Amino acid sequence: MATTIDVEEDDEQIKVSLLSRTSPVSLLQHGEPVVVAAHPEIVPSVSPDYQRTRSPSSNRRLASLDVFRGLTVALMILVDDAGGAFPSINHSPWFGVTLADFVMPFFLFGVGVSVGLVFKKISSKSLATQKVLLRTVKLFLLGLLLQGGYFHGRNNLTYGVDLGKIRWLGVLQRISIGYLLASISEIWLVNNLTVDSTMTFLKKYYIQWITSALLCAIYMAFMYGLYVPDWEYEVSSGNFSIYESSSKIVNCDMRGSIEPPCNAVGLIDRYLLGQSHLYQHPVYRRTKECSVNSPDYGPLPPNSPEWCLAPFDPEGLLSSLMATVTCFLGLHFGHILVHVESHSRRIHLWSTSSIILLTSGYMLYILGIPLCKPLYTLSYLCITAGASGLLLTVIYYMVDVKDVKRPLLLLQWMGMNALVIFALAACELFPAALQGLYWRSPENNLVYFTERTVQAMLRSERWGTLVFVLLEIVFWGLLAGFLHMKNIYIRL
């Protein structure tokens, strides 16, 4: 499965043993067993007879990864639906990091971990590559359908998109790019070595680290070296009704800018994708320069700059290239999970890697590279990847080591069926469909009625919205649990 949240094979499940330090670790990879000896470091070997002798209960699904995926989807629902009432958890207008800005890196990191578990034993590299390409195309097309403008959201009972204005990129499209590059590197760039020490571990995967460094170098070269000239865009009446369609000129004539109007990310997208195919309501419209209600959307302040109404895609091409590195960092965590047998050793290596990433991100921030999710800056990459690693480490310790699963069961169920929850809830297909059934006027529908009832009970619009969204998350968790009990899993 190749989705925003999972990359399992069609008829297989990733399983990693969670036995004690003194027991063999077994991995099921593409239907074949791999036995990892009880060594405090790293020792895999293949045993043809192991399938006949192993205990049926010796392996189980890595529950912590499901919880991690489910938590990511739940966070997306929370920040999307409650971010308007609580702007502090909504995406940062440009610089800085909020809760919402961790969601995308969590998605990418989880995909990287999954890829690291799936492609360990490959009978045919060409066949595996074909499967990856097919899943990438399906995921990209699904993202195009869900986020390209065809569906107009829960507050609009219309659908359809002008092909001349379809948005080419989005959340699922970015994750499809990360999945593609991470998977291809795992298939073709990993050395065929038996890992029996830290040195052989590094030799096995060093080409992937070089690839990651190369992607970062390409990003930095374009970001700080590409010349951005003055540019012009059309302001449509759909952006702000008080403005008629007109042209505006943004003065740049510079290079190395990381401000909203004159950065290399926007330049590349405008040139390769076209302005009409970019996101038309970017987050910088919530900056102080562009909104009197900042950090929320609002009317333009007096003497606002020309670029406030310009399109910009937060999942652009150059920033998606940088975002792919988050998948590669997730790969590293997956490799540790595969090759390291001891729980304590895994947790130690994961924690150390996460702290190094967090420290590096903070140092880059101190040195002048700001945290910026729309540009996916290097400091933002390190901080969010480090946070992803720490969160997975904590969940792994709770769920797979200490076996504390019951309190997190809803999240685990959501992680097992994350694709359908993402499509129906995060992309608002289900609430939009419910709103299509109303009494006399579109406002009299079940969704609005429930939300207004909760707000009235709490006598607060903001807190009522928050409670309503939390109930919504519980609903999706229960639905995912029902699907799990019926053995129904939506996969690509």
Protein backbone atom coordinates (compact mmCIF):
# COMPACT_ATOMS: atom_id res chain seq x y z
CA MET A 1 0.00 0.00 0.00
CA ALA A 2 1.34 3.37 -0.97
CA THR A 3 -0.65 6.11 0.62
CA THR A 4 -0.07 9.21 2.67
CA ILE A 5 0.15 6.93 5.61
CA ASP A 6 1.12 3.42 4.56
CA VAL A 7 3.10 1.52 1.97
CA GLU A 8 2.24 -2.10 2.62
CA GLU A 9 2.32 -4.71 -0.13
CA ASP A 10 -1.02 -5.73 -1.60
CA ASP A 11 -1.38 -9.02 0.25
CA GLU A 12 1.26 -8.66 2.92
CA GLN A 13 1.63 -6.92 6.23
CA ILE A 14 4.82 -5.53 7.67
CA LYS A 15 5.68 -7.53 10.75
CA VAL A 16 8.62 -6.99 13.06
CA SER A 17 9.34 -9.15 16.02
CA LEU A 18 9.22 -7.57 19.42
CA LEU A 19 10.95 -10.30 21.35
CA SER A 20 13.49 -9.89 24.09
CA ARG A 21 17.17 -9.18 23.56
CA THR A 22 18.13 -12.82 23.91
CA SER A 23 15.68 -14.18 21.33
CA PRO A 24 16.03 -14.22 17.54
CA VAL A 25 14.34 -11.41 15.71
CA SER A 26 12.28 -12.43 12.71
CA LEU A 27 11.01 -10.32 9.87
CA LEU A 28 8.45 -11.25 7.25
CA GLN A 29 9.46 -9.55 4.03
CA HIS A 30 7.54 -10.20 0.82
CA GLY A 31 6.39 -13.53 2.22
CA GLU A 32 9.96 -14.65 3.03
CA PRO A 33 11.35 -14.96 6.57
CA VAL A 34 14.57 -13.28 7.56
CA VAL A 35 16.16 -14.26 10.86
CA VAL A 36 18.23 -11.72 12.71
CA ALA A 37 20.53 -13.24 15.32
CA ALA A 38 20.44 -12.16 18.94
CA HIS A 39 23.24 -9.63 18.74
CA PRO A 40 23.13 -6.27 20.48
CA GLU A 41 24.01 -4.63 17.18
CA ILE A 42 22.95 -5.88 13.80
CA VAL A 43 23.10 -9.35 12.20
CA PRO A 44 20.61 -10.57 9.57
CA SER A 45 20.77 -13.88 7.74
CA VAL A 46 18.33 -15.87 5.65
CA SER A 47 17.11 -19.27 6.80
CA PRO A 48 15.12 -21.31 4.25
CA ASP A 49 13.86 -23.66 6.95
CA TYR A 50 12.72 -20.97 9.34
CA GLN A 51 9.19 -20.79 7.93
CA ARG A 52 8.59 -24.39 9.00
CA THR A 53 10.04 -24.06 12.50
CA ARG A 54 9.02 -20.63 13.75
CA SER A 55 6.17 -20.13 16.20
CA PRO A 56 2.97 -18.67 14.69
CA SER A 57 2.80 -16.11 17.50
CA SER A 58 6.39 -14.96 17.29
CA ASN A 59 5.56 -12.07 14.97
CA ARG A 60 3.04 -9.31 15.17
CA ARG A 61 2.27 -6.11 13.34
CA LEU A 62 4.22 -3.04 14.44
CA ALA A 63 1.38 -1.34 16.29
CA SER A 64 3.35 1.81 17.11
CA LEU A 65 3.59 2.71 13.41
CA ASP A 66 -0.19 2.38 13.05
CA VAL A 67 -0.68 4.63 16.09
CA PHE A 68 1.78 7.13 14.61
CA ARG A 69 -0.16 7.21 11.33
CA GLY A 70 -3.49 7.47 13.12
CA LEU A 71 -2.25 10.33 15.30
CA THR A 72 -1.06 12.15 12.19
CA VAL A 73 -4.47 11.88 10.52
CA ALA A 74 -6.20 12.94 13.77
CA LEU A 75 -3.92 15.99 14.00
CA MET A 76 -4.75 16.93 10.42
CA ILE A 77 -8.48 16.82 11.17
CA LEU A 78 -7.95 18.84 14.35
CA VAL A 79 -5.91 21.66 12.82
CA ASP A 80 -7.98 21.84 9.63
CA ASP A 81 -11.37 21.96 11.34
CA ALA A 82 -10.46 23.78 14.57
CA GLY A 83 -7.69 26.00 13.20
CA GLY A 84 -10.17 28.74 12.32
CA ALA A 85 -11.36 28.94 15.91
CA PHE A 86 -7.82 28.62 17.30
CA PRO A 87 -5.39 30.34 14.90
CA SER A 88 -2.49 29.44 17.21
CA ILE A 89 -2.69 25.79 16.09
CA ASN A 90 -3.30 26.68 12.43
CA HIS A 91 -0.44 26.87 9.96
CA SER A 92 2.03 29.65 10.63
CA PRO A 93 1.41 32.55 8.21
CA TRP A 94 5.01 32.25 6.96
CA PHE A 95 7.89 32.04 9.44
CA GLY A 96 7.66 29.93 12.59
CA VAL A 97 6.14 26.56 13.44
CA THR A 98 2.76 25.66 14.90
CA LEU A 99 1.05 22.33 15.57
CA ALA A 100 -0.35 22.22 12.03
CA ASP A 101 3.13 22.55 10.54
CA PHE A 102 4.17 19.17 11.96
CA VAL A 103 1.46 17.21 10.14
CA MET A 104 3.09 17.01 6.70
CA PRO A 105 6.51 15.95 8.06
CA PHE A 106 4.79 13.28 10.18
CA PHE A 107 3.16 11.89 7.02
CA LEU A 108 6.46 11.84 5.12
CA PHE A 109 8.44 10.39 8.01
CA GLY A 110 5.94 7.56 8.47
CA VAL A 111 6.13 6.72 4.76
CA GLY A 112 9.93 6.54 5.02
CA VAL A 113 9.80 4.17 7.99
CA SER A 114 7.34 1.92 6.15
CA VAL A 115 9.47 1.85 3.00
CA GLY A 116 12.44 0.86 5.12
CA LEU A 117 10.49 -2.15 6.38
CA VAL A 118 8.95 -3.26 3.09
CA PHE A 119 11.86 -3.37 0.64
CA LYS A 120 14.31 -5.58 2.50
CA LYS A 121 14.08 -8.72 0.38
CA ILE A 122 13.45 -8.04 -3.30
CA SER A 123 13.27 -10.97 -5.69
CA SER A 124 13.04 -8.73 -8.76
CA LYS A 125 14.15 -5.10 -8.70
CA SER A 126 12.43 -4.34 -12.00
CA LEU A 127 9.12 -5.79 -10.80
CA ALA A 128 9.39 -3.91 -7.50
CA THR A 129 10.08 -0.71 -9.43
CA GLN A 130 7.01 -1.25 -11.61
CA LYS A 131 4.86 -1.63 -8.49
CA VAL A 132 6.31 1.54 -6.99
CA LEU A 133 5.68 3.51 -10.18
CA LEU A 134 2.10 2.24 -10.39
CA ARG A 135 1.36 3.15 -6.77
CA THR A 136 2.97 6.55 -7.23
CA VAL A 137 0.74 7.31 -10.22
CA LYS A 138 -2.39 6.12 -8.41
CA LEU A 139 -1.57 8.19 -5.33
CA PHE A 140 -0.79 11.28 -7.42
CA LEU A 141 -4.05 10.95 -9.36
CA LEU A 142 -6.03 10.45 -6.16
CA GLY A 143 -4.49 13.65 -4.79
CA LEU A 144 -5.35 15.43 -8.01
CA LEU A 145 -8.98 14.33 -7.66
CA LEU A 146 -9.27 15.20 -3.96
CA GLN A 147 -7.23 18.42 -3.87
CA GLY A 148 -7.09 19.64 -7.45
CA GLY A 149 -10.25 21.74 -7.08
CA TYR A 150 -12.91 19.25 -8.22
CA PHE A 151 -14.51 19.12 -4.76
CA HIS A 152 -15.31 22.51 -3.26
CA GLY A 153 -15.44 21.63 0.43
CA ARG A 154 -18.07 21.31 3.12
CA ASN A 155 -19.35 24.86 2.77
CA ASN A 156 -20.05 24.62 -0.95
CA LEU A 157 -22.56 22.20 -2.43
CA THR A 158 -21.03 22.34 -5.92
CA TYR A 159 -18.27 20.41 -7.63
CA GLY A 160 -16.24 20.59 -10.80
CA VAL A 161 -13.02 22.28 -11.88
CA ASP A 162 -11.82 24.23 -14.88
CA LEU A 163 -8.95 22.16 -16.31
CA GLY A 164 -7.17 25.40 -17.06
CA LYS A 165 -7.06 26.13 -13.33
CA ILE A 166 -6.67 22.68 -11.78
CA ARG A 167 -4.14 22.58 -8.94
CA TRP A 168 -1.44 20.09 -9.89
CA LEU A 169 0.20 19.67 -6.48
CA GLY A 170 -1.08 18.97 -2.98
CA VAL A 171 -0.56 16.83 0.10
CA LEU A 172 -0.98 13.43 -1.56
CA GLN A 173 1.01 14.51 -4.60
CA ARG A 174 3.94 15.59 -2.40
CA ILE A 175 3.84 12.31 -0.51
CA SER A 176 3.73 10.37 -3.79
CA ILE A 177 6.96 12.12 -4.82
CA GLY A 178 8.60 11.30 -1.48
CA TYR A 179 7.41 7.70 -1.65
CA LEU A 180 8.73 7.33 -5.20
CA LEU A 181 12.23 8.63 -4.48
CA ALA A 182 12.57 6.81 -1.16
CA SER A 183 11.38 3.52 -2.65
CA ILE A 184 13.59 3.75 -5.74
CA SER A 185 16.60 4.46 -3.53
CA GLU A 186 15.74 1.49 -1.32
CA ILE A 187 15.46 -0.79 -4.35
CA TRP A 188 18.49 0.37 -6.33
CA LEU A 189 20.89 2.27 -4.05
CA VAL A 190 21.33 -0.16 -1.14
CA ASN A 191 24.47 -2.29 -1.17
CA ASN A 192 24.02 -6.06 -0.95
CA LEU A 193 25.84 -6.52 2.36
CA THR A 194 25.16 -8.65 5.41
CA VAL A 195 24.99 -6.21 8.30
CA ASP A 196 26.95 -7.49 11.29
CA SER A 197 28.36 -4.25 12.70
CA THR A 198 27.87 -0.52 12.73
CA MET A 199 30.42 -0.14 9.93
CA THR A 200 28.65 -2.57 7.59
CA PHE A 201 25.36 -0.82 8.43
CA LEU A 202 26.86 2.46 7.24
CA LYS A 203 28.37 0.85 4.14
CA LYS A 204 25.04 -0.70 3.21
CA TYR A 205 23.12 2.58 3.20
CA TYR A 206 25.75 5.28 2.62
CA ILE A 207 24.56 6.01 -0.95
CA GLN A 208 21.15 7.01 0.44
CA TRP A 209 22.84 9.48 2.79
CA ILE A 210 24.80 10.93 -0.14
CA THR A 211 21.53 11.23 -2.08
CA SER A 212 19.90 13.07 0.82
CA ALA A 213 22.84 15.47 1.06
CA LEU A 214 22.65 16.03 -2.69
CA LEU A 215 18.94 16.88 -2.51
CA CYS A 216 19.67 19.40 0.26
CA ALA A 217 22.52 20.90 -1.76
CA ILE A 218 20.35 21.26 -4.88
CA TYR A 219 17.62 22.91 -2.81
CA MET A 220 20.03 25.37 -1.17
CA ALA A 221 21.67 26.20 -4.51
CA PHE A 222 18.33 27.06 -6.11
CA MET A 223 16.94 28.80 -3.03
CA TYR A 224 19.87 31.15 -2.52
CA GLY A 225 21.37 31.26 -6.03
CA LEU A 226 18.42 31.58 -8.41
CA TYR A 227 17.69 35.09 -9.65
CA VAL A 228 14.05 36.16 -9.22
CA PRO A 229 12.98 38.96 -11.61
CA ASP A 230 9.93 41.20 -11.33
CA TRP A 231 6.76 39.31 -12.16
CA GLU A 232 3.11 39.96 -12.89
CA TYR A 233 -0.08 38.13 -11.93
CA GLU A 234 -3.82 38.45 -12.44
CA VAL A 235 -6.07 39.24 -9.47
CA SER A 236 -9.41 37.52 -9.99
CA SER A 237 -12.65 38.72 -8.43
CA GLY A 238 -12.92 35.33 -6.72
CA ASN A 239 -10.09 36.18 -4.35
CA PHE A 240 -11.65 39.25 -2.77
CA SER A 241 -15.01 40.39 -4.06
CA ILE A 242 -14.15 44.07 -3.69
CA TYR A 243 -11.43 43.69 -6.32
CA GLU A 244 -12.13 43.41 -10.00
CA SER A 245 -9.90 41.30 -12.19
CA SER A 246 -6.70 43.21 -12.79
CA SER A 247 -2.96 42.81 -13.14
CA LYS A 248 -0.44 43.51 -10.42
CA ILE A 249 3.34 43.69 -10.66
CA VAL A 250 5.55 42.32 -7.88
CA ASN A 251 8.96 44.00 -7.74
CA CYS A 252 11.77 41.55 -6.94
CA ASP A 253 14.99 41.82 -9.02
CA MET A 254 16.95 39.85 -6.41
CA ARG A 255 18.25 36.43 -5.41
CA GLY A 256 18.39 34.58 -2.08
CA SER A 257 15.12 35.97 -0.69
CA ILE A 258 13.01 33.78 1.60
CA GLU A 259 10.17 36.26 1.94
CA PRO A 260 6.76 35.46 0.37
CA PRO A 261 6.98 37.43 -2.91
CA CYS A 262 10.50 36.82 -4.22
CA ASN A 263 11.64 33.30 -3.31
CA ALA A 264 12.93 30.67 -5.73
CA VAL A 265 10.21 28.16 -4.76
CA GLY A 266 7.47 30.40 -6.11
CA LEU A 267 9.50 31.31 -9.20
CA ILE A 268 10.00 27.66 -10.24
CA ASP A 269 6.32 26.83 -9.70
CA ARG A 270 5.12 29.86 -11.67
CA TYR A 271 7.46 28.99 -14.52
CA LEU A 272 6.91 25.21 -14.69
CA LEU A 273 3.32 24.81 -13.46
CA GLY A 274 1.73 28.14 -14.35
CA GLN A 275 0.16 30.66 -11.98
CA SER A 276 -3.38 29.46 -12.63
CA HIS A 277 -2.45 25.95 -11.41
CA LEU A 278 -1.09 27.08 -8.04
CA TYR A 279 -2.91 27.31 -4.70
CA GLN A 280 -4.95 30.51 -4.79
CA HIS A 281 -5.29 31.10 -1.03
CA PRO A 282 -1.76 30.79 0.41
CA VAL A 283 -1.04 31.12 4.12
CA TYR A 284 0.84 34.40 3.75
CA ARG A 285 -2.52 36.10 3.33
CA ARG A 286 -2.71 35.75 7.12
CA THR A 287 0.47 37.76 7.71
CA LYS A 288 0.31 41.22 9.27
CA GLU A 289 1.09 42.76 5.89
CA CYS A 290 -1.93 41.09 4.28
CA SER A 291 -4.62 40.73 6.96
CA VAL A 292 -6.04 43.03 9.60
CA ASN A 293 -7.03 39.87 11.53
CA SER A 294 -3.56 38.29 11.46
CA PRO A 295 -2.73 35.48 12.22
CA ASP A 296 -6.17 34.70 10.77
CA TYR A 297 -7.53 35.60 7.33
CA GLY A 298 -9.13 39.01 7.01
CA PRO A 299 -9.47 42.14 4.86
CA LEU A 300 -6.35 43.69 3.44
CA PRO A 301 -4.90 46.47 5.59
CA PRO A 302 -4.30 49.93 4.08
CA ASN A 303 -1.24 50.14 1.83
CA SER A 304 -0.84 46.37 1.73
CA PRO A 305 1.93 45.11 -0.59
CA GLU A 306 1.18 44.05 -4.15
CA TRP A 307 1.93 40.37 -3.55
CA CYS A 308 -0.77 39.74 -0.92
CA LEU A 309 -3.24 38.36 -3.48
CA ALA A 310 -0.68 36.41 -5.51
CA PRO A 311 -0.94 32.62 -5.80
CA PHE A 312 1.62 30.36 -4.11
CA ASP A 313 1.67 26.60 -3.67
CA PRO A 314 2.82 25.34 -0.24
CA GLU A 315 3.46 21.91 -1.84
CA GLY A 316 5.59 23.28 -4.67
CA LEU A 317 8.21 21.45 -6.72
CA LEU A 318 11.41 22.68 -5.08
CA SER A 319 10.01 22.44 -1.55
CA SER A 320 8.75 18.92 -2.33
CA LEU A 321 12.29 17.98 -3.31
CA MET A 322 13.42 19.06 0.15
CA ALA A 323 10.45 17.33 1.77
CA THR A 324 11.63 14.05 0.24
CA VAL A 325 14.62 14.17 2.60
CA THR A 326 12.16 13.67 5.48
CA CYS A 327 11.25 10.33 3.86
CA PHE A 328 14.94 9.42 3.71
CA LEU A 329 15.30 10.21 7.42
CA GLY A 330 12.32 7.96 8.08
CA LEU A 331 14.16 5.28 6.08
CA HIS A 332 17.02 5.51 8.57
CA PHE A 333 14.65 4.81 11.46
CA GLY A 334 13.16 1.88 9.54
CA HIS A 335 16.64 0.45 8.94
CA ILE A 336 17.38 0.60 12.66
CA LEU A 337 14.13 -1.22 13.33
CA VAL A 338 15.07 -3.96 10.86
CA HIS A 339 18.69 -4.52 11.87
CA VAL A 340 18.75 -3.75 15.59
CA GLU A 341 17.22 -6.46 17.75
CA SER A 342 17.18 -4.92 21.22
CA HIS A 343 14.32 -2.65 22.32
CA SER A 344 16.64 -0.51 24.42
CA ARG A 345 19.18 -0.24 21.59
CA ARG A 346 16.51 0.81 19.12
CA ILE A 347 15.19 3.46 21.49
CA HIS A 348 18.73 4.69 22.19
CA LEU A 349 19.61 5.03 18.49
CA TRP A 350 16.27 6.61 17.60
CA SER A 351 16.52 9.10 20.47
CA THR A 352 20.09 10.00 19.60
CA SER A 353 19.22 10.53 15.92
CA SER A 354 16.22 12.68 16.86
CA ILE A 355 18.22 14.85 19.26
CA ILE A 356 20.93 15.36 16.62
CA LEU A 357 18.28 16.49 14.13
CA LEU A 358 16.63 18.85 16.63
CA THR A 359 19.99 20.34 17.63
CA SER A 360 21.01 20.78 14.00
CA GLY A 361 17.72 22.49 13.21
CA TYR A 362 18.11 24.88 16.13
CA MET A 363 21.69 25.69 15.14
CA LEU A 364 20.63 26.42 11.57
CA TYR A 365 17.90 28.67 12.93
CA ILE A 366 20.43 30.53 15.06
CA LEU A 367 22.69 30.90 12.02
CA GLY A 368 19.93 32.64 10.07
CA ILE A 369 17.89 29.95 8.28
CA PRO A 370 14.35 30.52 9.59
CA LEU A 371 11.68 27.91 10.15
CA CYS A 372 9.31 28.11 7.19
CA LYS A 373 6.92 25.32 6.24
CA PRO A 374 5.82 26.79 2.85
CA LEU A 375 9.47 26.82 1.72
CA TYR A 376 10.42 23.64 3.65
CA THR A 377 13.67 25.27 4.80
CA LEU A 378 16.58 23.17 6.04
CA SER A 379 16.02 24.22 9.66
CA TYR A 380 12.33 23.30 9.39
CA LEU A 381 13.28 19.93 7.89
CA CYS A 382 15.61 19.08 10.79
CA ILE A 383 13.29 20.30 13.56
CA THR A 384 10.20 18.50 12.27
CA ALA A 385 12.05 15.29 11.39
CA GLY A 386 13.60 15.25 14.86
CA ALA A 387 10.19 15.77 16.42
CA SER A 388 8.80 12.95 14.25
CA GLY A 389 11.54 10.62 15.45
CA LEU A 390 11.01 11.47 19.10
CA LEU A 391 7.26 11.01 18.81
CA LEU A 392 7.66 7.61 17.15
CA THR A 393 10.16 6.62 19.85
CA VAL A 394 7.72 7.49 22.64
CA ILE A 395 4.85 5.68 20.93
CA TYR A 396 7.06 2.63 20.26
CA TYR A 397 8.07 2.49 23.94
CA MET A 398 4.47 2.76 25.10
CA VAL A 399 2.80 0.48 22.57
CA ASP A 400 5.31 -2.14 21.46
CA VAL A 401 7.58 -2.31 24.50
CA LYS A 402 5.23 -1.70 27.43
CA ASP A 403 2.16 -2.99 25.55
CA VAL A 404 0.03 0.04 26.52
CA LYS A 405 -2.41 -0.15 23.61
CA ARG A 406 -5.92 0.22 24.94
CA PRO A 407 -5.82 4.04 25.47
CA LEU A 408 -4.50 4.45 21.91
CA LEU A 409 -6.78 1.95 20.23
CA LEU A 410 -8.76 4.54 18.25
CA LEU A 411 -5.56 5.96 16.82
CA GLN A 412 -4.30 2.49 15.97
CA TRP A 413 -7.50 1.73 14.07
CA MET A 414 -7.27 5.03 12.22
CA GLY A 415 -3.70 4.20 11.24
CA MET A 416 -4.76 0.83 9.83
CA ASN A 417 -7.25 2.52 7.50
CA ALA A 418 -5.64 5.92 7.20
CA LEU A 419 -6.31 6.42 3.49
CA VAL A 420 -10.09 6.25 3.76
CA ILE A 421 -10.09 8.50 6.86
CA PHE A 422 -7.90 11.02 5.07
CA ALA A 423 -10.15 11.08 2.00
CA LEU A 424 -13.49 11.20 3.81
CA ALA A 425 -12.56 13.42 6.77
CA ALA A 426 -9.45 15.48 6.04
CA CYS A 427 -10.58 16.15 2.44
CA GLU A 428 -14.15 16.74 3.71
CA LEU A 429 -15.90 14.34 1.33
CA PHE A 430 -18.12 12.90 4.04
CA PRO A 431 -19.27 16.17 5.69
CA ALA A 432 -19.82 17.72 2.25
CA ALA A 433 -22.00 14.77 1.29
CA LEU A 434 -23.98 15.06 4.54
CA GLN A 435 -24.54 18.76 3.94
CA GLY A 436 -26.17 17.86 0.65
CA LEU A 437 -29.15 16.64 2.69
CA TYR A 438 -30.76 19.72 4.26
CA TRP A 439 -34.15 21.07 5.32
CA ARG A 440 -35.39 23.98 3.18
CA SER A 441 -32.03 25.83 3.18
CA PRO A 442 -28.44 24.52 2.95
CA GLU A 443 -27.65 25.78 6.45
CA ASN A 444 -30.18 23.38 7.98
CA ASN A 445 -28.14 20.19 7.74
CA LEU A 446 -26.92 17.59 10.21
CA VAL A 447 -23.32 18.85 10.32
CA TYR A 448 -24.20 22.45 11.13
CA PHE A 449 -26.96 21.39 13.51
CA THR A 450 -24.61 19.18 15.52
CA GLU A 451 -21.88 21.82 15.67
CA ARG A 452 -24.31 24.58 16.69
CA THR A 453 -25.82 22.32 19.36
CA VAL A 454 -22.41 21.66 20.94
CA GLN A 455 -21.58 25.37 20.82
CA ALA A 456 -24.87 26.23 22.51
CA MET A 457 -24.33 23.61 25.23
CA LEU A 458 -20.89 25.04 26.04
CA ARG A 459 -22.01 28.66 25.46
CA SER A 460 -18.86 29.25 23.44
CA GLU A 461 -18.37 29.17 19.69
CA ARG A 462 -14.62 28.49 19.93
CA TRP A 463 -14.73 25.74 22.55
CA GLY A 464 -17.87 24.29 21.01
CA THR A 465 -16.02 23.99 17.70
CA LEU A 466 -13.10 22.26 19.42
CA VAL A 467 -15.34 19.74 21.18
CA PHE A 468 -17.22 19.11 17.94
CA VAL A 469 -13.94 18.38 16.13
CA LEU A 470 -12.81 16.03 18.92
CA LEU A 471 -16.12 14.17 18.64
CA GLU A 472 -15.54 14.03 14.89
CA ILE A 473 -12.15 12.38 15.47
CA VAL A 474 -13.73 9.85 17.83
CA PHE A 475 -16.36 9.09 15.18
CA TRP A 476 -13.70 8.38 12.56
CA GLY A 477 -11.76 6.25 15.03
CA LEU A 478 -14.83 4.13 15.72
CA LEU A 479 -15.55 3.83 12.01
CA ALA A 480 -11.96 2.69 11.41
CA GLY A 481 -12.38 0.18 14.23
CA PHE A 482 -15.52 -1.19 12.60
CA LEU A 483 -13.67 -1.58 9.29
CA HIS A 484 -10.81 -3.32 11.10
CA MET A 485 -13.17 -5.80 12.77
CA LYS A 486 -14.66 -6.56 9.35
CA ASN A 487 -11.15 -6.94 7.88
CA ILE A 488 -11.81 -4.10 5.45
CA TYR A 489 -8.72 -2.09 4.48
CA ILE A 490 -8.73 0.48 1.69
CA ARG A 491 -5.43 0.30 -0.18
CA LEU A 492 -3.92 1.53 -3.42
